Amino acid sequence: MSTRSIIARQVGDGWTGRYHHSDGYPTGVGNALLAHIRGHFAGDVRAAMAYLIDQHPAGWQSIVGANLRLAPGFGGGFRFNVHRPQCYCHGDRDEEEDTRTQDNLSQYWDIDFLYVIAEDSRMLTAFALDHDWGDDPINDTPLATTLRFLRQIDIRTNDTFTEGKQ
């Protein structure tokens, strides 16, 4: 089973972002975001957000362990140690835009984590999504979904997410 997350940019008091299917926990997607922004994008948060959100409107299968110098797409990416970024809008997939925002949070019953990146302050903030399913064992949507703050990391530092210290 995958740990799903959202990669988002801060927009005013809210956020807008894209779905990410695999390895959504902080030591997965959280650290991948930090590594890609610090490495591939050389600290340019705006360029990273343009790539991760604007240029890939259908979202991601995975950016964890991906080489962003390779062409993104879906299919064949992790075979033979290729490690290209796996998106849902290039390669073997051509899915519709899937924009995630704070306005429709309760629809994301399958999302475990949210990463909000503030372009101006260069801060990455991680949240867990807590879902209240109530007492009905066959509920297919939560009664409520709340965000629980985990940690905020300044992208300009060498700090990362570690096990036990989210």
C-alpha atoms as a PDB file:
ATOM      1  CA  MET A   1       0.000   0.000   0.000  1.00  0.00           C
ATOM      2  CA  SER A   2       1.302   3.434  -0.904  1.00  0.00           C
ATOM      3  CA  THR A   3       1.728   6.382   1.431  1.00  0.00           C
ATOM      4  CA  ARG A   4       0.104   9.219  -0.462  1.00  0.00           C
ATOM      5  CA  SER A   5       0.872  12.913  -0.154  1.00  0.00           C
ATOM      6  CA  ILE A   6       0.391  16.323  -1.714  1.00  0.00           C
ATOM      7  CA  ILE A   7       3.201  18.609  -2.887  1.00  0.00           C
ATOM      8  CA  ALA A   8       1.952  22.191  -2.683  1.00  0.00           C
ATOM      9  CA  ARG A   9       2.991  25.815  -2.903  1.00  0.00           C
ATOM     10  CA  GLN A  10       1.749  28.378  -0.439  1.00  0.00           C
ATOM     11  CA  VAL A  11      -0.752  30.789  -1.985  1.00  0.00           C
ATOM     12  CA  GLY A  12      -1.738  33.559   0.423  1.00  0.00           C
ATOM     13  CA  ASP A  13      -3.148  31.902   3.533  1.00  0.00           C
ATOM     14  CA  GLY A  14      -3.766  28.647   1.659  1.00  0.00           C
ATOM     15  CA  TRP A  15      -2.053  26.283  -0.750  1.00  0.00           C
ATOM     16  CA  THR A  16      -2.459  24.605  -4.116  1.00  0.00           C
ATOM     17  CA  GLY A  17      -0.670  21.462  -5.194  1.00  0.00           C
ATOM     18  CA  ARG A  18      -0.439  18.069  -6.843  1.00  0.00           C
ATOM     19  CA  TYR A  19      -0.978  14.485  -5.782  1.00  0.00           C
ATOM     20  CA  HIS A  20       2.055  12.249  -5.110  1.00  0.00           C
ATOM     21  CA  HIS A  21       1.334   8.515  -4.901  1.00  0.00           C
ATOM     22  CA  SER A  22       4.315   6.714  -3.340  1.00  0.00           C
ATOM     23  CA  ASP A  23       6.610   7.124  -0.319  1.00  0.00           C
ATOM     24  CA  GLY A  24       4.719  10.168   0.983  1.00  0.00           C
ATOM     25  CA  TYR A  25       6.148  10.021   4.497  1.00  0.00           C
ATOM     26  CA  PRO A  26       8.550  12.811   5.563  1.00  0.00           C
ATOM     27  CA  THR A  27      11.707  10.720   5.115  1.00  0.00           C
ATOM     28  CA  GLY A  28      10.483   9.869   1.588  1.00  0.00           C
ATOM     29  CA  VAL A  29       8.813  12.738  -0.268  1.00  0.00           C
ATOM     30  CA  GLY A  30       9.821  15.326   2.356  1.00  0.00           C
ATOM     31  CA  ASN A  31      13.523  14.585   1.991  1.00  0.00           C
ATOM     32  CA  ALA A  32      13.222  14.122  -1.783  1.00  0.00           C
ATOM     33  CA  LEU A  33      11.767  17.641  -2.051  1.00  0.00           C
ATOM     34  CA  LEU A  34      14.617  19.063   0.025  1.00  0.00           C
ATOM     35  CA  ALA A  35      17.242  17.151  -1.989  1.00  0.00           C
ATOM     36  CA  HIS A  36      15.781  18.158  -5.379  1.00  0.00           C
ATOM     37  CA  ILE A  37      15.370  21.834  -4.455  1.00  0.00           C
ATOM     38  CA  ARG A  38      18.852  22.053  -2.931  1.00  0.00           C
ATOM     39  CA  GLY A  39      20.519  19.927  -5.613  1.00  0.00           C
ATOM     40  CA  HIS A  40      18.903  19.852  -9.040  1.00  0.00           C
ATOM     41  CA  PHE A  41      17.308  23.301  -8.681  1.00  0.00           C
ATOM     42  CA  ALA A  42      20.311  24.812  -6.802  1.00  0.00           C
ATOM     43  CA  GLY A  43      18.012  26.416  -4.222  1.00  0.00           C
ATOM     44  CA  ASP A  44      15.693  28.016  -6.779  1.00  0.00           C
ATOM     45  CA  VAL A  45      12.341  27.324  -5.129  1.00  0.00           C
ATOM     46  CA  ARG A  46      10.331  29.002  -7.893  1.00  0.00           C
ATOM     47  CA  ALA A  47      11.923  26.787 -10.547  1.00  0.00           C
ATOM     48  CA  ALA A  48      11.234  23.723  -8.408  1.00  0.00           C
ATOM     49  CA  MET A  49       7.559  24.680  -7.962  1.00  0.00           C
ATOM     50  CA  ALA A  50       7.217  25.384 -11.689  1.00  0.00           C
ATOM     51  CA  TYR A  51       8.531  21.889 -12.450  1.00  0.00           C
ATOM     52  CA  LEU A  52       6.778  19.949  -9.683  1.00  0.00           C
ATOM     53  CA  ILE A  53       3.398  21.696  -9.861  1.00  0.00           C
ATOM     54  CA  ASP A  54       2.943  23.799 -13.005  1.00  0.00           C
ATOM     55  CA  GLN A  55       4.580  21.507 -15.566  1.00  0.00           C
ATOM     56  CA  HIS A  56       3.009  18.307 -14.173  1.00  0.00           C
ATOM     57  CA  PRO A  57      -0.674  19.095 -13.638  1.00  0.00           C
ATOM     58  CA  ALA A  58      -1.793  15.467 -13.256  1.00  0.00           C
ATOM     59  CA  GLY A  59       0.576  14.804 -10.350  1.00  0.00           C
ATOM     60  CA  TRP A  60       3.214  12.206  -9.605  1.00  0.00           C
ATOM     61  CA  GLN A  61       3.688   8.503  -9.091  1.00  0.00           C
ATOM     62  CA  SER A  62       7.094   9.224  -7.555  1.00  0.00           C
ATOM     63  CA  ILE A  63       9.943  11.714  -7.370  1.00  0.00           C
ATOM     64  CA  VAL A  64      11.696   9.814  -4.568  1.00  0.00           C
ATOM     65  CA  GLY A  65      15.107   8.662  -5.762  1.00  0.00           C
ATOM     66  CA  ALA A  66      14.430  10.135  -9.201  1.00  0.00           C
ATOM     67  CA  ASN A  67      17.037  11.775 -11.397  1.00  0.00           C
ATOM     68  CA  LEU A  68      15.353  15.004 -12.498  1.00  0.00           C
ATOM     69  CA  ARG A  69      17.803  15.367 -15.396  1.00  0.00           C
ATOM     70  CA  LEU A  70      15.949  12.505 -17.077  1.00  0.00           C
ATOM     71  CA  ALA A  71      12.743  13.129 -19.017  1.00  0.00           C
ATOM     72  CA  PRO A  72       9.692  12.621 -16.821  1.00  0.00           C
ATOM     73  CA  GLY A  73       7.052  10.121 -17.752  1.00  0.00           C
ATOM     74  CA  PHE A  74       5.227   7.054 -16.626  1.00  0.00           C
ATOM     75  CA  GLY A  75       6.318   3.518 -17.364  1.00  0.00           C
ATOM     76  CA  GLY A  76       9.707   1.893 -17.504  1.00  0.00           C
ATOM     77  CA  GLY A  77      11.154   4.406 -15.073  1.00  0.00           C
ATOM     78  CA  PHE A  78      12.528   2.209 -12.316  1.00  0.00           C
ATOM     79  CA  ARG A  79      13.399  -0.763 -14.496  1.00  0.00           C
ATOM     80  CA  PHE A  80      17.094  -1.281 -15.074  1.00  0.00           C
ATOM     81  CA  ASN A  81      18.003   1.420 -12.521  1.00  0.00           C
ATOM     82  CA  VAL A  82      16.821   4.249 -14.800  1.00  0.00           C
ATOM     83  CA  HIS A  83      15.147   6.326 -12.058  1.00  0.00           C
ATOM     84  CA  ARG A  84      13.352   8.901 -14.138  1.00  0.00           C
ATOM     85  CA  PRO A  85      10.633  10.952 -12.398  1.00  0.00           C
ATOM     86  CA  GLN A  86       7.285   9.185 -12.742  1.00  0.00           C
ATOM     87  CA  CYS A  87       4.416  11.593 -13.511  1.00  0.00           C
ATOM     88  CA  TYR A  88       0.827  11.004 -14.585  1.00  0.00           C
ATOM     89  CA  CYS A  89       0.877  13.465 -17.497  1.00  0.00           C
ATOM     90  CA  HIS A  90       3.795  12.236 -19.657  1.00  0.00           C
ATOM     91  CA  GLY A  91       4.935   8.888 -21.025  1.00  0.00           C
ATOM     92  CA  ASP A  92       2.378   6.076 -20.839  1.00  0.00           C
ATOM     93  CA  ARG A  93      -0.089   8.254 -18.884  1.00  0.00           C
ATOM     94  CA  ASP A  94      -1.953  11.337 -20.090  1.00  0.00           C
ATOM     95  CA  GLU A  95      -4.305  12.155 -17.230  1.00  0.00           C
ATOM     96  CA  GLU A  96      -6.325  15.308 -16.601  1.00  0.00           C
ATOM     97  CA  GLU A  97      -5.182  18.103 -14.322  1.00  0.00           C
ATOM     98  CA  ASP A  98      -5.644  17.245 -10.637  1.00  0.00           C
ATOM     99  CA  THR A  99      -5.368  20.371  -8.488  1.00  0.00           C
ATOM    100  CA  ARG A 100      -5.472  19.891  -4.718  1.00  0.00           C
ATOM    101  CA  THR A 101      -6.269  22.828  -2.408  1.00  0.00           C
ATOM    102  CA  GLN A 102      -7.191  23.470   1.204  1.00  0.00           C
ATOM    103  CA  ASP A 103     -10.767  24.162   0.028  1.00  0.00           C
ATOM    104  CA  ASN A 104     -11.483  20.508  -0.710  1.00  0.00           C
ATOM    105  CA  LEU A 105      -9.392  18.875   2.022  1.00  0.00           C
ATOM    106  CA  SER A 106     -12.122  16.476   3.173  1.00  0.00           C
ATOM    107  CA  GLN A 107     -12.135  14.809  -0.274  1.00  0.00           C
ATOM    108  CA  TYR A 108      -8.587  13.542   0.266  1.00  0.00           C
ATOM    109  CA  TRP A 109      -9.421  10.569   2.455  1.00  0.00           C
ATOM    110  CA  ASP A 110      -6.456   8.658   1.024  1.00  0.00           C
ATOM    111  CA  ILE A 111      -3.815  11.348   1.671  1.00  0.00           C
ATOM    112  CA  ASP A 112      -1.467  10.919   4.637  1.00  0.00           C
ATOM    113  CA  PHE A 113       0.899  13.899   4.329  1.00  0.00           C
ATOM    114  CA  LEU A 114       0.997  17.414   2.901  1.00  0.00           C
ATOM    115  CA  TYR A 115       4.128  19.410   2.038  1.00  0.00           C
ATOM    116  CA  VAL A 116       3.625  23.154   1.610  1.00  0.00           C
ATOM    117  CA  ILE A 117       6.514  25.149   0.185  1.00  0.00           C
ATOM    118  CA  ALA A 118       6.649  28.922   0.646  1.00  0.00           C
ATOM    119  CA  GLU A 119       8.551  30.354  -2.299  1.00  0.00           C
ATOM    120  CA  ASP A 120       9.438  33.695  -0.682  1.00  0.00           C
ATOM    121  CA  SER A 121      10.626  32.431   2.708  1.00  0.00           C
ATOM    122  CA  ARG A 122      11.992  29.153   1.292  1.00  0.00           C
ATOM    123  CA  MET A 123      10.344  27.105   4.015  1.00  0.00           C
ATOM    124  CA  LEU A 124       8.979  23.584   3.628  1.00  0.00           C
ATOM    125  CA  THR A 125       6.212  22.762   6.103  1.00  0.00           C
ATOM    126  CA  ALA A 126       5.071  19.175   6.634  1.00  0.00           C
ATOM    127  CA  PHE A 127       1.625  18.222   7.893  1.00  0.00           C
ATOM    128  CA  ALA A 128      -0.085  14.920   8.596  1.00  0.00           C
ATOM    129  CA  LEU A 129      -3.724  14.566   7.579  1.00  0.00           C
ATOM    130  CA  ASP A 130      -5.842  13.113  10.362  1.00  0.00           C
ATOM    131  CA  HIS A 131      -9.131  11.581   9.216  1.00  0.00           C
ATOM    132  CA  ASP A 132     -12.130  11.099  11.524  1.00  0.00           C
ATOM    133  CA  TRP A 133     -14.050   8.099  10.223  1.00  0.00           C
ATOM    134  CA  GLY A 134     -16.621   8.099  13.034  1.00  0.00           C
ATOM    135  CA  ASP A 135     -18.103   4.873  14.368  1.00  0.00           C
ATOM    136  CA  ASP A 136     -19.411   3.533  11.058  1.00  0.00           C
ATOM    137  CA  PRO A 137     -16.971   0.818   9.851  1.00  0.00           C
ATOM    138  CA  ILE A 138     -18.149   1.150   6.250  1.00  0.00           C
ATOM    139  CA  ASN A 139     -17.768   4.915   5.876  1.00  0.00           C
ATOM    140  CA  ASP A 140     -16.195   5.591   2.505  1.00  0.00           C
ATOM    141  CA  THR A 141     -15.439   9.240   3.298  1.00  0.00           C
ATOM    142  CA  PRO A 142     -14.238  10.741   6.576  1.00  0.00           C
ATOM    143  CA  LEU A 143     -16.554  12.869   8.684  1.00  0.00           C
ATOM    144  CA  ALA A 144     -13.747  15.401   9.022  1.00  0.00           C
ATOM    145  CA  THR A 145     -10.114  15.826   7.992  1.00  0.00           C
ATOM    146  CA  THR A 146      -7.708  18.026   9.905  1.00  0.00           C
ATOM    147  CA  LEU A 147      -4.120  19.049   9.331  1.00  0.00           C
ATOM    148  CA  ARG A 148      -1.606  18.313  12.075  1.00  0.00           C
ATOM    149  CA  PHE A 149       1.631  20.305  11.931  1.00  0.00           C
ATOM    150  CA  LEU A 150       4.724  18.086  11.920  1.00  0.00           C
ATOM    151  CA  ARG A 151       7.737  20.238  11.174  1.00  0.00           C
ATOM    152  CA  GLN A 152       9.012  23.227   9.218  1.00  0.00           C
ATOM    153  CA  ILE A 153      12.435  23.196   7.545  1.00  0.00           C
ATOM    154  CA  ASP A 154      14.331  26.105   6.060  1.00  0.00           C
ATOM    155  CA  ILE A 155      15.354  24.902   2.598  1.00  0.00           C
ATOM    156  CA  ARG A 156      18.572  26.961   2.817  1.00  0.00           C
ATOM    157  CA  THR A 157      19.870  24.758   5.674  1.00  0.00           C
ATOM    158  CA  ASN A 158      21.107  21.164   5.536  1.00  0.00           C
ATOM    159  CA  ASP A 159      18.309  19.992   7.843  1.00  0.00           C
ATOM    160  CA  THR A 160      16.278  16.939   6.834  1.00  0.00           C
ATOM    161  CA  PHE A 161      13.442  14.810   8.148  1.00  0.00           C
ATOM    162  CA  THR A 162      14.612  11.862  10.251  1.00  0.00           C
ATOM    163  CA  GLU A 163      12.820   8.847  11.710  1.00  0.00           C
ATOM    164  CA  GLY A 164      11.201   9.758  14.997  1.00  0.00           C
ATOM    165  CA  LYS A 165      11.810  13.485  14.488  1.00  0.00           C
ATOM    166  CA  GLN A 166       9.352  14.611  11.876  1.00  0.00           C
END
